[in-house]
Amino acid sequence: MALLVGAVGVANTMIISVLERTREIGLRRALGATRRHVRGQFLAESVALCLLGVLAGAAVGTLVTVDHAAARGWPTVIPLTGVAGGVGAALVAGILAGIHPAVRASRLPPRPRRSPPEAADCLACVAALSRPAD
């Protein structure tokens, strides 16, 4: 259940990231990035976010296990298969949670670059700024 909640949280974070970065994505597309590049970027970000979460969770879980075992006088036993399973599940959750935002980002159209300002406009701005203040 916690994995599902984490995946939903990552998916929401990635969707918000796509919405906030539409200009950046459009600029990347205009500069030659393909849909595949954009999709790969957002999938990588989603997986990285999940891996950071699983590493933090594994560290806290290990510390709590060591502390509890020491308090009871028990030997500390942490099965590596459980840790590996958690990392694998986080990778799968990251990929699944990132598919929709990555596809959504890759479908954004390229944004045309803005044309540079006219020289006359620049000279008028410089003249206005160089006047002494009253």
C-alpha atoms as a PDB file:
ATOM      1  CA  MET A   1       0.000   0.000   0.000  1.00  0.00           C
ATOM      2  CA  ALA A   2       2.830   2.400   0.855  1.00  0.00           C
ATOM      3  CA  LEU A   3       4.411   1.733  -2.536  1.00  0.00           C
ATOM      4  CA  LEU A   4       1.164   2.654  -4.283  1.00  0.00           C
ATOM      5  CA  VAL A   5       0.866   5.872  -2.275  1.00  0.00           C
ATOM      6  CA  GLY A   6       4.484   6.716  -3.092  1.00  0.00           C
ATOM      7  CA  ALA A   7       3.930   6.063  -6.794  1.00  0.00           C
ATOM      8  CA  VAL A   8       0.862   8.318  -6.832  1.00  0.00           C
ATOM      9  CA  GLY A   9       2.884  11.030  -5.091  1.00  0.00           C
ATOM     10  CA  VAL A  10       5.687  10.735  -7.642  1.00  0.00           C
ATOM     11  CA  ALA A  11       3.197  10.810 -10.534  1.00  0.00           C
ATOM     12  CA  ASN A  12       1.586  13.982  -9.157  1.00  0.00           C
ATOM     13  CA  THR A  13       4.988  15.604  -8.631  1.00  0.00           C
ATOM     14  CA  MET A  14       6.016  14.792 -12.188  1.00  0.00           C
ATOM     15  CA  ILE A  15       2.741  16.104 -13.663  1.00  0.00           C
ATOM     16  CA  ILE A  16       3.206  19.387 -11.792  1.00  0.00           C
ATOM     17  CA  SER A  17       6.798  19.475 -13.031  1.00  0.00           C
ATOM     18  CA  VAL A  18       5.596  19.133 -16.630  1.00  0.00           C
ATOM     19  CA  LEU A  19       3.020  21.906 -16.153  1.00  0.00           C
ATOM     20  CA  GLU A  20       5.586  24.267 -14.625  1.00  0.00           C
ATOM     21  CA  ARG A  21       8.256  23.567 -17.225  1.00  0.00           C
ATOM     22  CA  THR A  22       6.282  23.848 -20.462  1.00  0.00           C
ATOM     23  CA  ARG A  23       8.440  26.744 -21.685  1.00  0.00           C
ATOM     24  CA  GLU A  24      11.653  24.830 -20.960  1.00  0.00           C
ATOM     25  CA  ILE A  25      10.323  21.736 -22.714  1.00  0.00           C
ATOM     26  CA  GLY A  26       9.193  23.794 -25.713  1.00  0.00           C
ATOM     27  CA  LEU A  27      12.598  25.458 -25.916  1.00  0.00           C
ATOM     28  CA  ARG A  28      14.370  22.099 -25.767  1.00  0.00           C
ATOM     29  CA  ARG A  29      12.130  20.819 -28.544  1.00  0.00           C
ATOM     30  CA  ALA A  30      12.773  23.969 -30.614  1.00  0.00           C
ATOM     31  CA  LEU A  31      16.518  23.504 -30.179  1.00  0.00           C
ATOM     32  CA  GLY A  32      16.361  19.978 -31.567  1.00  0.00           C
ATOM     33  CA  ALA A  33      15.414  17.623 -28.735  1.00  0.00           C
ATOM     34  CA  THR A  34      13.183  14.843 -29.976  1.00  0.00           C
ATOM     35  CA  ARG A  35      10.117  13.503 -28.205  1.00  0.00           C
ATOM     36  CA  ARG A  36      12.237  10.537 -27.198  1.00  0.00           C
ATOM     37  CA  HIS A  37      14.777  12.822 -25.471  1.00  0.00           C
ATOM     38  CA  VAL A  38      12.071  14.614 -23.494  1.00  0.00           C
ATOM     39  CA  ARG A  39      10.369  11.338 -22.584  1.00  0.00           C
ATOM     40  CA  GLY A  40      13.688   9.893 -21.412  1.00  0.00           C
ATOM     41  CA  GLN A  41      14.446  12.965 -19.306  1.00  0.00           C
ATOM     42  CA  PHE A  42      11.152  12.790 -17.431  1.00  0.00           C
ATOM     43  CA  LEU A  43      11.329   9.023 -16.955  1.00  0.00           C
ATOM     44  CA  ALA A  44      14.853   9.404 -15.553  1.00  0.00           C
ATOM     45  CA  GLU A  45      13.667  12.120 -13.165  1.00  0.00           C
ATOM     46  CA  SER A  46      10.787   9.922 -11.997  1.00  0.00           C
ATOM     47  CA  VAL A  47      13.041   6.930 -11.376  1.00  0.00           C
ATOM     48  CA  ALA A  48      15.604   9.120  -9.588  1.00  0.00           C
ATOM     49  CA  LEU A  49      12.887  10.507  -7.335  1.00  0.00           C
ATOM     50  CA  CYS A  50      11.716   6.990  -6.442  1.00  0.00           C
ATOM     51  CA  LEU A  51      15.265   5.777  -5.838  1.00  0.00           C
ATOM     52  CA  LEU A  52      15.947   8.688  -3.483  1.00  0.00           C
ATOM     53  CA  GLY A  53      12.789   7.768  -1.595  1.00  0.00           C
ATOM     54  CA  VAL A  54      13.708   4.091  -1.345  1.00  0.00           C
ATOM     55  CA  LEU A  55      17.246   4.908  -0.211  1.00  0.00           C
ATOM     56  CA  ALA A  56      15.912   7.187   2.514  1.00  0.00           C
ATOM     57  CA  GLY A  57      13.360   4.558   3.531  1.00  0.00           C
ATOM     58  CA  ALA A  58      15.967   1.784   3.573  1.00  0.00           C
ATOM     59  CA  ALA A  59      18.312   3.915   5.686  1.00  0.00           C
ATOM     60  CA  VAL A  60      15.600   4.733   8.227  1.00  0.00           C
ATOM     61  CA  GLY A  61      14.413   1.115   8.283  1.00  0.00           C
ATOM     62  CA  THR A  62      17.953  -0.136   8.837  1.00  0.00           C
ATOM     63  CA  LEU A  63      18.556   2.326  11.665  1.00  0.00           C
ATOM     64  CA  VAL A  64      15.298   1.408  13.388  1.00  0.00           C
ATOM     65  CA  THR A  65      16.032  -2.311  12.991  1.00  0.00           C
ATOM     66  CA  VAL A  66      19.550  -1.965  14.391  1.00  0.00           C
ATOM     67  CA  ASP A  67      18.310   0.152  17.302  1.00  0.00           C
ATOM     68  CA  HIS A  68      15.459  -2.223  18.149  1.00  0.00           C
ATOM     69  CA  ALA A  69      17.674  -5.319  17.917  1.00  0.00           C
ATOM     70  CA  ALA A  70      20.329  -3.685  20.121  1.00  0.00           C
ATOM     71  CA  ALA A  71      17.724  -2.662  22.711  1.00  0.00           C
ATOM     72  CA  ARG A  72      16.466  -6.263  22.927  1.00  0.00           C
ATOM     73  CA  GLY A  73      19.938  -7.798  22.840  1.00  0.00           C
ATOM     74  CA  TRP A  74      19.243  -9.582  19.579  1.00  0.00           C
ATOM     75  CA  PRO A  75      21.632  -9.929  16.662  1.00  0.00           C
ATOM     76  CA  THR A  76      20.852  -7.568  13.804  1.00  0.00           C
ATOM     77  CA  VAL A  77      19.632  -9.419  10.724  1.00  0.00           C
ATOM     78  CA  ILE A  78      18.710  -7.483   7.590  1.00  0.00           C
ATOM     79  CA  PRO A  79      17.930  -9.728   4.616  1.00  0.00           C
ATOM     80  CA  LEU A  80      19.550  -8.352   1.474  1.00  0.00           C
ATOM     81  CA  THR A  81      16.825  -9.907  -0.650  1.00  0.00           C
ATOM     82  CA  GLY A  82      14.306  -7.655   1.097  1.00  0.00           C
ATOM     83  CA  VAL A  83      16.415  -4.569   0.437  1.00  0.00           C
ATOM     84  CA  ALA A  84      16.945  -5.591  -3.197  1.00  0.00           C
ATOM     85  CA  GLY A  85      13.216  -6.241  -3.565  1.00  0.00           C
ATOM     86  CA  GLY A  86      12.456  -2.767  -2.229  1.00  0.00           C
ATOM     87  CA  VAL A  87      14.872  -1.155  -4.671  1.00  0.00           C
ATOM     88  CA  GLY A  88      13.424  -3.175  -7.547  1.00  0.00           C
ATOM     89  CA  ALA A  89       9.873  -2.277  -6.572  1.00  0.00           C
ATOM     90  CA  ALA A  90      10.861   1.397  -6.398  1.00  0.00           C
ATOM     91  CA  LEU A  91      12.327   1.196  -9.913  1.00  0.00           C
ATOM     92  CA  VAL A  92       9.122  -0.329 -11.250  1.00  0.00           C
ATOM     93  CA  ALA A  93       7.014   2.260  -9.386  1.00  0.00           C
ATOM     94  CA  GLY A  94       9.179   5.072 -10.755  1.00  0.00           C
ATOM     95  CA  ILE A  95       8.809   3.853 -14.313  1.00  0.00           C
ATOM     96  CA  LEU A  96       5.064   3.316 -14.030  1.00  0.00           C
ATOM     97  CA  ALA A  97       4.504   6.635 -12.258  1.00  0.00           C
ATOM     98  CA  GLY A  98       6.590   8.508 -14.819  1.00  0.00           C
ATOM     99  CA  ILE A  99       5.094   7.127 -18.032  1.00  0.00           C
ATOM    100  CA  HIS A 100       2.064   9.436 -18.216  1.00  0.00           C
ATOM    101  CA  PRO A 101       3.927  12.676 -17.344  1.00  0.00           C
ATOM    102  CA  ALA A 102       6.789  11.754 -19.703  1.00  0.00           C
ATOM    103  CA  VAL A 103       4.442  11.115 -22.624  1.00  0.00           C
ATOM    104  CA  ARG A 104       2.553  14.304 -21.821  1.00  0.00           C
ATOM    105  CA  ALA A 105       5.790  16.310 -21.815  1.00  0.00           C
ATOM    106  CA  SER A 106       6.991  14.741 -25.052  1.00  0.00           C
ATOM    107  CA  ARG A 107       3.787  15.779 -26.839  1.00  0.00           C
ATOM    108  CA  LEU A 108       4.287  19.482 -26.117  1.00  0.00           C
ATOM    109  CA  PRO A 109       4.990  21.422 -29.308  1.00  0.00           C
ATOM    110  CA  PRO A 110       8.265  23.223 -29.911  1.00  0.00           C
ATOM    111  CA  ARG A 111       8.085  26.906 -29.003  1.00  0.00           C
ATOM    112  CA  PRO A 112       9.481  29.276 -31.594  1.00  0.00           C
ATOM    113  CA  ARG A 113      12.311  31.473 -30.422  1.00  0.00           C
ATOM    114  CA  ARG A 114      11.536  35.120 -29.881  1.00  0.00           C
ATOM    115  CA  SER A 115      13.027  37.471 -32.407  1.00  0.00           C
ATOM    116  CA  PRO A 116      15.687  39.839 -31.107  1.00  0.00           C
ATOM    117  CA  PRO A 117      14.547  43.398 -30.355  1.00  0.00           C
ATOM    118  CA  GLU A 118      14.995  46.032 -33.017  1.00  0.00           C
ATOM    119  CA  ALA A 119      18.078  48.230 -32.742  1.00  0.00           C
ATOM    120  CA  ALA A 120      15.931  51.389 -32.599  1.00  0.00           C
ATOM    121  CA  ASP A 121      14.062  50.011 -29.578  1.00  0.00           C
ATOM    122  CA  CYS A 122      17.347  49.296 -27.815  1.00  0.00           C
ATOM    123  CA  LEU A 123      18.679  52.792 -28.516  1.00  0.00           C
ATOM    124  CA  ALA A 124      15.473  54.350 -27.201  1.00  0.00           C
ATOM    125  CA  CYS A 125      15.767  52.331 -23.988  1.00  0.00           C
ATOM    126  CA  VAL A 126      19.399  53.353 -23.501  1.00  0.00           C
ATOM    127  CA  ALA A 127      18.547  57.010 -24.104  1.00  0.00           C
ATOM    128  CA  ALA A 128      15.664  56.892 -21.622  1.00  0.00           C
ATOM    129  CA  LEU A 129      17.826  55.251 -18.960  1.00  0.00           C
ATOM    130  CA  SER A 130      20.733  57.673 -19.405  1.00  0.00           C
ATOM    131  CA  ARG A 131      18.644  60.820 -18.727  1.00  0.00           C
ATOM    132  CA  PRO A 132      19.346  62.426 -15.348  1.00  0.00           C
ATOM    133  CA  ALA A 133      16.601  61.999 -12.764  1.00  0.00           C
ATOM    134  CA  ASP A 134      14.696  65.105 -11.720  1.00  0.00           C
END
